[in-house]
PDB file of N, CA and C in Angstrom:
ATOM      1  N   MET A   1      78.183  87.555 101.675  1.00  0.00           N
ATOM      2  CA  MET A   1      79.640  88.034 101.775  1.00  0.00           C
ATOM      3  C   MET A   1      80.099  87.280 103.109  1.00  0.00           C
ATOM      4  N   ASN A   2      81.181  86.715 103.259  1.00  0.00           N
ATOM      5  CA  ASN A   2      81.958  85.766 104.168  1.00  0.00           C
ATOM      6  C   ASN A   2      82.212  87.036 105.296  1.00  0.00           C
ATOM      7  N   PRO A   3      81.491  86.772 106.446  1.00  0.00           N
ATOM      8  CA  PRO A   3      81.459  87.794 107.372  1.00  0.00           C
ATOM      9  C   PRO A   3      83.050  87.981 108.070  1.00  0.00           C
ATOM     10  N   LEU A   4      84.048  86.985 107.832  1.00  0.00           N
ATOM     11  CA  LEU A   4      85.313  87.174 108.410  1.00  0.00           C
ATOM     12  C   LEU A   4      86.097  88.182 107.230  1.00  0.00           C
ATOM     13  N   LEU A   5      85.450  88.360 106.194  1.00  0.00           N
ATOM     14  CA  LEU A   5      86.038  89.229 105.349  1.00  0.00           C
ATOM     15  C   LEU A   5      85.551  90.618 104.988  1.00  0.00           C
ATOM     16  N   ASP A   6      84.583  90.946 106.071  1.00  0.00           N
ATOM     17  CA  ASP A   6      83.838  92.372 106.022  1.00  0.00           C
ATOM     18  C   ASP A   6      84.394  92.890 107.222  1.00  0.00           C
ATOM     19  N   PHE A   7      85.146  94.046 106.871  1.00  0.00           N
ATOM     20  CA  PHE A   7      85.862  94.865 107.806  1.00  0.00           C
ATOM     21  C   PHE A   7      85.313  96.287 107.896  1.00  0.00           C
ATOM     22  N   SER A   8      83.921  96.409 107.290  1.00  0.00           N
ATOM     23  CA  SER A   8      83.189  97.494 107.300  1.00  0.00           C
ATOM     24  C   SER A   8      82.905  98.066 108.767  1.00  0.00           C
ATOM     25  N   ASP A   9      82.553  96.995 109.511  1.00  0.00           N
ATOM     26  CA  ASP A   9      82.196  97.579 111.035  1.00  0.00           C
ATOM     27  C   ASP A   9      82.551  96.569 112.102  1.00  0.00           C
ATOM     28  N   LEU A  10      82.065  96.646 113.004  1.00  0.00           N
ATOM     29  CA  LEU A  10      82.292  95.491 114.025  1.00  0.00           C
ATOM     30  C   LEU A  10      82.023  94.084 113.763  1.00  0.00           C
ATOM     31  N   PRO A  11      82.920  93.357 114.398  1.00  0.00           N
ATOM     32  CA  PRO A  11      82.752  91.696 113.895  1.00  0.00           C
ATOM     33  C   PRO A  11      81.245  91.279 114.012  1.00  0.00           C
ATOM     34  N   ARG A  12      80.966  90.551 113.055  1.00  0.00           N
ATOM     35  CA  ARG A  12      79.650  89.710 113.043  1.00  0.00           C
ATOM     36  C   ARG A  12      79.574  88.256 113.607  1.00  0.00           C
ATOM     37  N   PHE A  13      79.831  88.202 114.792  1.00  0.00           N
ATOM     38  CA  PHE A  13      80.287  86.932 115.458  1.00  0.00           C
ATOM     39  C   PHE A  13      79.290  85.816 115.079  1.00  0.00           C
ATOM     40  N   HIS A  14      77.862  86.621 115.054  1.00  0.00           N
ATOM     41  CA  HIS A  14      76.560  85.471 114.971  1.00  0.00           C
ATOM     42  C   HIS A  14      76.543  85.029 113.556  1.00  0.00           C
ATOM     43  N   ALA A  15      77.234  85.478 112.705  1.00  0.00           N
ATOM     44  CA  ALA A  15      77.323  85.191 111.359  1.00  0.00           C
ATOM     45  C   ALA A  15      78.398  84.327 110.600  1.00  0.00           C
ATOM     46  N   VAL A  16      79.276  84.024 111.504  1.00  0.00           N
ATOM     47  CA  VAL A  16      80.405  83.425 111.130  1.00  0.00           C
ATOM     48  C   VAL A  16      80.087  81.791 111.438  1.00  0.00           C
ATOM     49  N   LYS A  17      80.183  81.177 110.364  1.00  0.00           N
ATOM     50  CA  LYS A  17      79.882  79.751 110.362  1.00  0.00           C
ATOM     51  C   LYS A  17      81.398  79.036 110.105  1.00  0.00           C
ATOM     52  N   PRO A  18      81.744  77.645 110.704  1.00  0.00           N
ATOM     53  CA  PRO A  18      82.905  77.183 110.548  1.00  0.00           C
ATOM     54  C   PRO A  18      83.233  76.799 109.286  1.00  0.00           C
ATOM     55  N   GLU A  19      82.382  76.745 108.311  1.00  0.00           N
ATOM     56  CA  GLU A  19      82.821  76.250 106.974  1.00  0.00           C
ATOM     57  C   GLU A  19      83.339  77.679 106.089  1.00  0.00           C
ATOM     58  N   GLN A  20      83.300  78.580 106.849  1.00  0.00           N
ATOM     59  CA  GLN A  20      83.684  80.084 106.194  1.00  0.00           C
ATOM     60  C   GLN A  20      85.144  80.465 106.598  1.00  0.00           C
ATOM     61  N   ILE A  21      85.453  79.713 107.551  1.00  0.00           N
ATOM     62  CA  ILE A  21      86.633  80.034 108.274  1.00  0.00           C
ATOM     63  C   ILE A  21      88.018  79.746 107.027  1.00  0.00           C
ATOM     64  N   THR A  22      87.972  78.500 106.698  1.00  0.00           N
ATOM     65  CA  THR A  22      89.329  77.980 105.684  1.00  0.00           C
ATOM     66  C   THR A  22      89.118  78.962 104.465  1.00  0.00           C
ATOM     67  N   PRO A  23      87.874  79.354 103.759  1.00  0.00           N
ATOM     68  CA  PRO A  23      87.991  80.118 102.653  1.00  0.00           C
ATOM     69  C   PRO A  23      88.528  81.640 102.973  1.00  0.00           C
ATOM     70  N   ALA A  24      88.175  82.069 104.179  1.00  0.00           N
ATOM     71  CA  ALA A  24      88.309  83.540 104.604  1.00  0.00           C
ATOM     72  C   ALA A  24      89.938  83.402 104.995  1.00  0.00           C
ATOM     73  N   ILE A  25      90.508  82.769 105.459  1.00  0.00           N
ATOM     74  CA  ILE A  25      91.911  82.623 106.037  1.00  0.00           C
ATOM     75  C   ILE A  25      92.885  82.485 104.775  1.00  0.00           C
ATOM     76  N   ASP A  26      92.460  81.477 103.802  1.00  0.00           N
ATOM     77  CA  ASP A  26      93.344  81.122 102.725  1.00  0.00           C
ATOM     78  C   ASP A  26      93.189  82.451 101.878  1.00  0.00           C
ATOM     79  N   ALA A  27      91.941  83.229 101.761  1.00  0.00           N
ATOM     80  CA  ALA A  27      92.027  84.548 101.082  1.00  0.00           C
ATOM     81  C   ALA A  27      92.925  85.497 101.445  1.00  0.00           C
ATOM     82  N   LEU A  28      92.844  85.747 102.650  1.00  0.00           N
ATOM     83  CA  LEU A  28      93.624  86.596 103.462  1.00  0.00           C
ATOM     84  C   LEU A  28      95.221  86.302 103.409  1.00  0.00           C
ATOM     85  N   LEU A  29      95.427  85.121 103.648  1.00  0.00           N
ATOM     86  CA  LEU A  29      96.978  84.585 103.541  1.00  0.00           C
ATOM     87  C   LEU A  29      97.402  84.869 102.301  1.00  0.00           C
ATOM     88  N   GLU A  30      96.658  84.517 101.075  1.00  0.00           N
ATOM     89  CA  GLU A  30      96.910  84.868  99.719  1.00  0.00           C
ATOM     90  C   GLU A  30      97.072  86.361  99.693  1.00  0.00           C
ATOM     91  N   GLU A  31      96.282  87.154  99.895  1.00  0.00           N
ATOM     92  CA  GLU A  31      96.373  88.697 100.124  1.00  0.00           C
ATOM     93  C   GLU A  31      97.709  89.011 100.766  1.00  0.00           C
ATOM     94  N   ASN A  32      98.243  88.646 101.878  1.00  0.00           N
ATOM     95  CA  ASN A  32      99.302  88.900 102.588  1.00  0.00           C
ATOM     96  C   ASN A  32     100.665  88.531 101.580  1.00  0.00           C
ATOM     97  N   ARG A  33     100.482  87.164 101.304  1.00  0.00           N
ATOM     98  CA  ARG A  33     101.686  86.872 100.481  1.00  0.00           C
ATOM     99  C   ARG A  33     102.041  87.779  99.228  1.00  0.00           C
ATOM    100  N   ALA A  34     100.939  88.298  98.671  1.00  0.00           N
ATOM    101  CA  ALA A  34     100.772  89.193  97.325  1.00  0.00           C
ATOM    102  C   ALA A  34     101.627  90.337  97.659  1.00  0.00           C
ATOM    103  N   VAL A  35     101.188  90.990  98.833  1.00  0.00           N
ATOM    104  CA  VAL A  35     101.509  92.206  99.233  1.00  0.00           C
ATOM    105  C   VAL A  35     103.080  91.973  99.560  1.00  0.00           C
ATOM    106  N   ILE A  36     103.530  91.024 100.249  1.00  0.00           N
ATOM    107  CA  ILE A  36     104.979  90.678 100.356  1.00  0.00           C
ATOM    108  C   ILE A  36     105.756  90.453  99.218  1.00  0.00           C
ATOM    109  N   GLN A  37     105.261  89.707  98.209  1.00  0.00           N
ATOM    110  CA  GLN A  37     105.916  89.533  96.921  1.00  0.00           C
ATOM    111  C   GLN A  37     106.178  90.833  96.118  1.00  0.00           C
ATOM    112  N   LYS A  38     104.960  91.702  96.339  1.00  0.00           N
ATOM    113  CA  LYS A  38     105.086  93.031  95.664  1.00  0.00           C
ATOM    114  C   LYS A  38     106.156  93.699  96.071  1.00  0.00           C
ATOM    115  N   LEU A  39     106.222  94.002  97.557  1.00  0.00           N
ATOM    116  CA  LEU A  39     107.290  94.718  98.352  1.00  0.00           C
ATOM    117  C   LEU A  39     108.631  94.182  98.073  1.00  0.00           C
ATOM    118  N   GLU A  40     108.998  92.813  98.018  1.00  0.00           N
ATOM    119  CA  GLU A  40     110.094  91.971  97.729  1.00  0.00           C
ATOM    120  C   GLU A  40     110.831  92.601  96.324  1.00  0.00           C
ATOM    121  N   GLN A  41     109.854  92.669  95.519  1.00  0.00           N
ATOM    122  CA  GLN A  41     110.427  93.098  94.159  1.00  0.00           C
ATOM    123  C   GLN A  41     110.412  94.368  93.679  1.00  0.00           C
ATOM    124  N   ASP A  42     110.029  95.344  94.712  1.00  0.00           N
ATOM    125  CA  ASP A  42     110.278  96.799  94.319  1.00  0.00           C
ATOM    126  C   ASP A  42     111.263  97.084  95.095  1.00  0.00           C
ATOM    127  N   GLN A  43     112.116  97.636  93.962  1.00  0.00           N
ATOM    128  CA  GLN A  43     113.522  98.124  94.114  1.00  0.00           C
ATOM    129  C   GLN A  43     113.789  99.534  94.611  1.00  0.00           C
ATOM    130  N   SER A  44     112.748 100.449  94.922  1.00  0.00           N
ATOM    131  CA  SER A  44     112.707 101.715  95.241  1.00  0.00           C
ATOM    132  C   SER A  44     113.013 101.771  96.997  1.00  0.00           C
ATOM    133  N   ASP A  45     113.358 102.635  97.515  1.00  0.00           N
ATOM    134  CA  ASP A  45     113.695 102.804  98.969  1.00  0.00           C
ATOM    135  C   ASP A  45     112.234 102.836  99.681  1.00  0.00           C
ATOM    136  N   PRO A  46     112.315 102.001 100.774  1.00  0.00           N
ATOM    137  CA  PRO A  46     110.830 101.766 101.364  1.00  0.00           C
ATOM    138  C   PRO A  46     110.807 103.113 102.094  1.00  0.00           C
ATOM    139  N   THR A  47     109.256 103.368 102.054  1.00  0.00           N
ATOM    140  CA  THR A  47     108.873 104.493 103.089  1.00  0.00           C
ATOM    141  C   THR A  47     107.699 103.941 103.915  1.00  0.00           C
ATOM    142  N   TRP A  48     107.212 104.726 104.680  1.00  0.00           N
ATOM    143  CA  TRP A  48     106.079 104.317 105.481  1.00  0.00           C
ATOM    144  C   TRP A  48     104.876 104.067 104.563  1.00  0.00           C
ATOM    145  N   ASP A  49     104.388 105.091 103.721  1.00  0.00           N
ATOM    146  CA  ASP A  49     103.281 104.853 102.696  1.00  0.00           C
ATOM    147  C   ASP A  49     103.492 103.626 101.759  1.00  0.00           C
ATOM    148  N   SER A  50     104.743 103.281 101.212  1.00  0.00           N
ATOM    149  CA  SER A  50     104.994 102.415 100.294  1.00  0.00           C
ATOM    150  C   SER A  50     105.241 101.034 100.651  1.00  0.00           C
ATOM    151  N   PHE A  51     105.630 100.845 102.005  1.00  0.00           N
ATOM    152  CA  PHE A  51     106.214  99.428 102.608  1.00  0.00           C
ATOM    153  C   PHE A  51     105.504  99.226 103.941  1.00  0.00           C
ATOM    154  N   VAL A  52     105.481 100.019 105.105  1.00  0.00           N
ATOM    155  CA  VAL A  52     104.970  99.797 106.240  1.00  0.00           C
ATOM    156  C   VAL A  52     103.335  99.483 106.180  1.00  0.00           C
ATOM    157  N   LEU A  53     103.002 100.552 105.813  1.00  0.00           N
ATOM    158  CA  LEU A  53     101.358 100.762 105.571  1.00  0.00           C
ATOM    159  C   LEU A  53     100.860  99.635 104.748  1.00  0.00           C
ATOM    160  N   PRO A  54     101.169  99.241 103.719  1.00  0.00           N
ATOM    161  CA  PRO A  54     100.420  97.958 103.137  1.00  0.00           C
ATOM    162  C   PRO A  54     100.868  96.650 104.069  1.00  0.00           C
ATOM    163  N   MET A  55     102.085  96.536 104.380  1.00  0.00           N
ATOM    164  CA  MET A  55     102.322  95.396 105.218  1.00  0.00           C
ATOM    165  C   MET A  55     101.439  95.303 106.651  1.00  0.00           C
ATOM    166  N   HIS A  56     101.058  96.394 107.038  1.00  0.00           N
ATOM    167  CA  HIS A  56     100.383  96.893 108.297  1.00  0.00           C
ATOM    168  C   HIS A  56      98.822  96.431 107.998  1.00  0.00           C
ATOM    169  N   ASP A  57      98.478  96.935 106.793  1.00  0.00           N
ATOM    170  CA  ASP A  57      96.978  96.844 106.668  1.00  0.00           C
ATOM    171  C   ASP A  57      96.612  95.259 106.025  1.00  0.00           C
ATOM    172  N   ALA A  58      97.374  94.814 105.595  1.00  0.00           N
ATOM    173  CA  ALA A  58      97.369  93.336 105.037  1.00  0.00           C
ATOM    174  C   ALA A  58      97.204  92.234 106.219  1.00  0.00           C
ATOM    175  N   GLN A  59      98.199  92.501 107.164  1.00  0.00           N
ATOM    176  CA  GLN A  59      98.338  91.925 108.423  1.00  0.00           C
ATOM    177  C   GLN A  59      97.219  92.194 109.472  1.00  0.00           C
ATOM    178  N   ASP A  60      97.015  93.630 109.335  1.00  0.00           N
ATOM    179  CA  ASP A  60      95.776  93.753 110.352  1.00  0.00           C
ATOM    180  C   ASP A  60      94.410  93.151 109.758  1.00  0.00           C
ATOM    181  N   ARG A  61      94.085  92.853 108.646  1.00  0.00           N
ATOM    182  CA  ARG A  61      92.957  92.291 108.119  1.00  0.00           C
ATOM    183  C   ARG A  61      92.961  90.710 108.535  1.00  0.00           C
ATOM    184  N   LEU A  62      94.215  90.328 108.348  1.00  0.00           N
ATOM    185  CA  LEU A  62      94.441  88.721 108.741  1.00  0.00           C
ATOM    186  C   LEU A  62      94.048  88.616 110.323  1.00  0.00           C
ATOM    187  N   SER A  63      94.723  89.537 111.252  1.00  0.00           N
ATOM    188  CA  SER A  63      94.581  89.531 112.479  1.00  0.00           C
ATOM    189  C   SER A  63      93.236  89.503 113.071  1.00  0.00           C
ATOM    190  N   ARG A  64      92.379  90.534 112.236  1.00  0.00           N
ATOM    191  CA  ARG A  64      90.944  90.781 112.716  1.00  0.00           C
ATOM    192  C   ARG A  64      90.224  89.694 112.407  1.00  0.00           C
ATOM    193  N   ALA A  65      90.345  89.045 111.108  1.00  0.00           N
ATOM    194  CA  ALA A  65      89.529  87.886 110.918  1.00  0.00           C
ATOM    195  C   ALA A  65      90.083  86.774 111.900  1.00  0.00           C
ATOM    196  N   TRP A  66      91.301  86.256 112.126  1.00  0.00           N
ATOM    197  CA  TRP A  66      91.717  85.367 112.947  1.00  0.00           C
ATOM    198  C   TRP A  66      91.260  85.639 114.591  1.00  0.00           C
ATOM    199  N   SER A  67      91.333  86.909 114.877  1.00  0.00           N
ATOM    200  CA  SER A  67      90.925  86.879 116.288  1.00  0.00           C
ATOM    201  C   SER A  67      89.437  86.455 116.482  1.00  0.00           C
ATOM    202  N   GLN A  68      88.604  86.791 115.481  1.00  0.00           N
ATOM    203  CA  GLN A  68      87.162  86.178 115.634  1.00  0.00           C
ATOM    204  C   GLN A  68      87.006  84.841 115.721  1.00  0.00           C
ATOM    205  N   VAL A  69      87.832  84.114 114.957  1.00  0.00           N
ATOM    206  CA  VAL A  69      87.733  82.536 115.008  1.00  0.00           C
ATOM    207  C   VAL A  69      88.381  82.142 116.329  1.00  0.00           C
ATOM    208  N   THR A  70      89.472  82.713 116.951  1.00  0.00           N
ATOM    209  CA  THR A  70      89.926  82.373 118.142  1.00  0.00           C
ATOM    210  C   THR A  70      89.035  82.756 119.446  1.00  0.00           C
ATOM    211  N   HIS A  71      88.183  83.745 119.306  1.00  0.00           N
ATOM    212  CA  HIS A  71      87.281  84.251 120.212  1.00  0.00           C
ATOM    213  C   HIS A  71      86.143  83.214 120.198  1.00  0.00           C
ATOM    214  N   LEU A  72      85.586  82.746 118.960  1.00  0.00           N
ATOM    215  CA  LEU A  72      84.506  81.954 118.787  1.00  0.00           C
ATOM    216  C   LEU A  72      84.949  80.564 119.337  1.00  0.00           C
ATOM    217  N   ASN A  73      85.992  80.409 118.964  1.00  0.00           N
ATOM    218  CA  ASN A  73      86.565  78.792 119.406  1.00  0.00           C
ATOM    219  C   ASN A  73      86.737  78.732 121.121  1.00  0.00           C
ATOM    220  N   ALA A  74      86.936  80.067 121.508  1.00  0.00           N
ATOM    221  CA  ALA A  74      87.182  79.738 123.222  1.00  0.00           C
ATOM    222  C   ALA A  74      85.608  79.921 123.497  1.00  0.00           C
ATOM    223  N   VAL A  75      84.695  80.450 123.102  1.00  0.00           N
ATOM    224  CA  VAL A  75      83.308  80.605 123.839  1.00  0.00           C
ATOM    225  C   VAL A  75      82.337  79.952 123.210  1.00  0.00           C
ATOM    226  N   VAL A  76      82.118  79.543 122.085  1.00  0.00           N
ATOM    227  CA  VAL A  76      81.163  78.457 121.391  1.00  0.00           C
ATOM    228  C   VAL A  76      81.881  77.321 120.803  1.00  0.00           C
ATOM    229  N   ASN A  77      82.696  76.952 121.530  1.00  0.00           N
ATOM    230  CA  ASN A  77      83.573  75.738 120.949  1.00  0.00           C
ATOM    231  C   ASN A  77      82.440  74.537 120.496  1.00  0.00           C
ATOM    232  N   SER A  78      82.536  74.045 119.327  1.00  0.00           N
ATOM    233  CA  SER A  78      81.898  72.935 118.746  1.00  0.00           C
ATOM    234  C   SER A  78      82.864  71.979 118.062  1.00  0.00           C
ATOM    235  N   PRO A  79      82.553  70.828 117.544  1.00  0.00           N
ATOM    236  CA  PRO A  79      83.475  70.035 116.670  1.00  0.00           C
ATOM    237  C   PRO A  79      83.921  70.642 115.297  1.00  0.00           C
ATOM    238  N   ASP A  80      82.908  71.116 114.767  1.00  0.00           N
ATOM    239  CA  ASP A  80      83.232  71.887 113.384  1.00  0.00           C
ATOM    240  C   ASP A  80      84.125  73.019 113.507  1.00  0.00           C
ATOM    241  N   LEU A  81      83.735  73.731 114.573  1.00  0.00           N
ATOM    242  CA  LEU A  81      84.531  75.047 114.976  1.00  0.00           C
ATOM    243  C   LEU A  81      85.938  74.681 115.263  1.00  0.00           C
ATOM    244  N   ARG A  82      86.047  73.575 115.950  1.00  0.00           N
ATOM    245  CA  ARG A  82      87.325  73.107 116.685  1.00  0.00           C
ATOM    246  C   ARG A  82      88.194  72.755 115.519  1.00  0.00           C
ATOM    247  N   LYS A  83      87.486  72.020 114.594  1.00  0.00           N
ATOM    248  CA  LYS A  83      88.182  71.436 113.302  1.00  0.00           C
ATOM    249  C   LYS A  83      88.776  72.516 112.653  1.00  0.00           C
ATOM    250  N   ALA A  84      87.852  73.504 112.012  1.00  0.00           N
ATOM    251  CA  ALA A  84      88.361  74.851 111.395  1.00  0.00           C
ATOM    252  C   ALA A  84      89.303  75.317 112.018  1.00  0.00           C
ATOM    253  N   TYR A  85      89.434  75.670 113.152  1.00  0.00           N
ATOM    254  CA  TYR A  85      90.503  76.184 113.870  1.00  0.00           C
ATOM    255  C   TYR A  85      91.808  75.753 113.762  1.00  0.00           C
ATOM    256  N   HIS A  86      91.668  74.371 114.065  1.00  0.00           N
ATOM    257  CA  HIS A  86      93.070  73.456 114.149  1.00  0.00           C
ATOM    258  C   HIS A  86      93.570  73.455 112.656  1.00  0.00           C
ATOM    259  N   ASP A  87      92.619  73.285 111.665  1.00  0.00           N
ATOM    260  CA  ASP A  87      92.945  73.159 110.171  1.00  0.00           C
ATOM    261  C   ASP A  87      93.793  74.496 110.017  1.00  0.00           C
ATOM    262  N   ASN A  88      93.312  75.694 110.394  1.00  0.00           N
ATOM    263  CA  ASN A  88      94.047  77.003 110.069  1.00  0.00           C
ATOM    264  C   ASN A  88      95.200  77.395 110.668  1.00  0.00           C
ATOM    265  N   LEU A  89      95.380  76.734 112.033  1.00  0.00           N
ATOM    266  CA  LEU A  89      96.226  77.515 112.825  1.00  0.00           C
ATOM    267  C   LEU A  89      97.756  77.063 112.338  1.00  0.00           C
ATOM    268  N   GLY A  90      97.944  76.001 111.726  1.00  0.00           N
ATOM    269  CA  GLY A  90      99.077  75.470 111.100  1.00  0.00           C
ATOM    270  C   GLY A  90      99.518  76.605 109.981  1.00  0.00           C
ATOM    271  N   LYS A  91      98.567  77.020 108.920  1.00  0.00           N
ATOM    272  CA  LYS A  91      98.611  77.707 108.025  1.00  0.00           C
ATOM    273  C   LYS A  91      99.053  79.132 108.549  1.00  0.00           C
ATOM    274  N   LEU A  92      98.858  79.471 109.707  1.00  0.00           N
ATOM    275  CA  LEU A  92      99.057  80.551 110.379  1.00  0.00           C
ATOM    276  C   LEU A  92     100.322  80.594 110.916  1.00  0.00           C
ATOM    277  N   SER A  93     100.782  79.713 111.592  1.00  0.00           N
ATOM    278  CA  SER A  93     101.924  79.615 112.133  1.00  0.00           C
ATOM    279  C   SER A  93     103.150  79.392 110.977  1.00  0.00           C
ATOM    280  N   GLN A  94     102.957  78.650 110.026  1.00  0.00           N
ATOM    281  CA  GLN A  94     103.741  78.743 108.938  1.00  0.00           C
ATOM    282  C   GLN A  94     103.945  80.179 108.220  1.00  0.00           C
ATOM    283  N   PHE A  95     102.894  81.031 108.023  1.00  0.00           N
ATOM    284  CA  PHE A  95     102.888  82.324 107.527  1.00  0.00           C
ATOM    285  C   PHE A  95     103.869  83.363 108.470  1.00  0.00           C
ATOM    286  N   ARG A  96     103.528  83.180 109.927  1.00  0.00           N
ATOM    287  CA  ARG A  96     104.198  84.048 110.880  1.00  0.00           C
ATOM    288  C   ARG A  96     105.845  83.668 110.996  1.00  0.00           C
ATOM    289  N   THR A  97     106.119  82.370 110.487  1.00  0.00           N
ATOM    290  CA  THR A  97     107.552  82.081 110.435  1.00  0.00           C
ATOM    291  C   THR A  97     108.042  82.521 109.106  1.00  0.00           C
ATOM    292  N   GLU A  98     107.222  82.552 108.143  1.00  0.00           N
ATOM    293  CA  GLU A  98     107.837  83.146 106.792  1.00  0.00           C
ATOM    294  C   GLU A  98     108.207  84.567 107.219  1.00  0.00           C
ATOM    295  N   LEU A  99     107.400  85.218 107.713  1.00  0.00           N
ATOM    296  CA  LEU A  99     107.322  86.746 108.078  1.00  0.00           C
ATOM    297  C   LEU A  99     108.860  86.970 108.656  1.00  0.00           C
ATOM    298  N   SER A 100     108.953  86.039 109.811  1.00  0.00           N
ATOM    299  CA  SER A 100     110.047  86.370 110.676  1.00  0.00           C
ATOM    300  C   SER A 100     111.436  86.184 110.140  1.00  0.00           C
ATOM    301  N   GLN A 101     111.464  85.376 108.794  1.00  0.00           N
ATOM    302  CA  GLN A 101     112.432  85.008 108.395  1.00  0.00           C
ATOM    303  C   GLN A 101     112.781  85.584 107.008  1.00  0.00           C
ATOM    304  N   ASN A 102     112.012  86.457 106.708  1.00  0.00           N
ATOM    305  CA  ASN A 102     112.050  87.246 105.370  1.00  0.00           C
ATOM    306  C   ASN A 102     113.059  88.283 105.461  1.00  0.00           C
ATOM    307  N   GLN A 103     114.438  88.116 104.871  1.00  0.00           N
ATOM    308  CA  GLN A 103     115.429  89.025 105.056  1.00  0.00           C
ATOM    309  C   GLN A 103     114.961  90.238 104.357  1.00  0.00           C
ATOM    310  N   ARG A 104     114.329  90.211 103.127  1.00  0.00           N
ATOM    311  CA  ARG A 104     113.974  91.569 102.395  1.00  0.00           C
ATOM    312  C   ARG A 104     113.148  92.354 103.390  1.00  0.00           C
ATOM    313  N   LEU A 105     112.267  91.765 103.867  1.00  0.00           N
ATOM    314  CA  LEU A 105     111.175  92.405 104.806  1.00  0.00           C
ATOM    315  C   LEU A 105     111.886  93.118 105.904  1.00  0.00           C
ATOM    316  N   TYR A 106     112.985  92.497 106.464  1.00  0.00           N
ATOM    317  CA  TYR A 106     113.853  92.843 107.366  1.00  0.00           C
ATOM    318  C   TYR A 106     114.517  94.166 107.246  1.00  0.00           C
ATOM    319  N   GLU A 107     115.035  93.955 106.043  1.00  0.00           N
ATOM    320  CA  GLU A 107     115.864  95.158 105.391  1.00  0.00           C
ATOM    321  C   GLU A 107     114.856  96.349 105.298  1.00  0.00           C
ATOM    322  N   GLY A 108     113.670  96.252 104.619  1.00  0.00           N
ATOM    323  CA  GLY A 108     112.726  97.125 104.268  1.00  0.00           C
ATOM    324  C   GLY A 108     112.639  97.930 105.704  1.00  0.00           C
ATOM    325  N   TYR A 109     112.244  97.207 106.698  1.00  0.00           N
ATOM    326  CA  TYR A 109     111.895  98.002 108.102  1.00  0.00           C
ATOM    327  C   TYR A 109     113.047  98.601 108.635  1.00  0.00           C
ATOM    328  N   GLU A 110     114.247  97.925 108.411  1.00  0.00           N
ATOM    329  CA  GLU A 110     115.490  98.457 108.918  1.00  0.00           C
ATOM    330  C   GLU A 110     115.685  99.906 108.432  1.00  0.00           C
TER     331      GLU A 110
END
């Protein structure tokens, strides 16, 4: 299993390989976008359990994985790790922009 997708315990920094970063980030971004799409299509009134909690959980998983990558990039920087970091940084920036500009999510939180 990709250690970046294992949230059962503390991070396993020693097990993370640069080639695992993109597949993990792509999977977590896909998961987040699926949650968002489901919430956007839900016509019921948002509640903590039906709206906030799914968003929080999906974003938390993404943040936990990415924080491992940023930490490793800072402390054991290598050309392969640096490339994986930079290859995914734009994807995460784009995703955060999508979140901040999503009117339906704004209305759900409001």
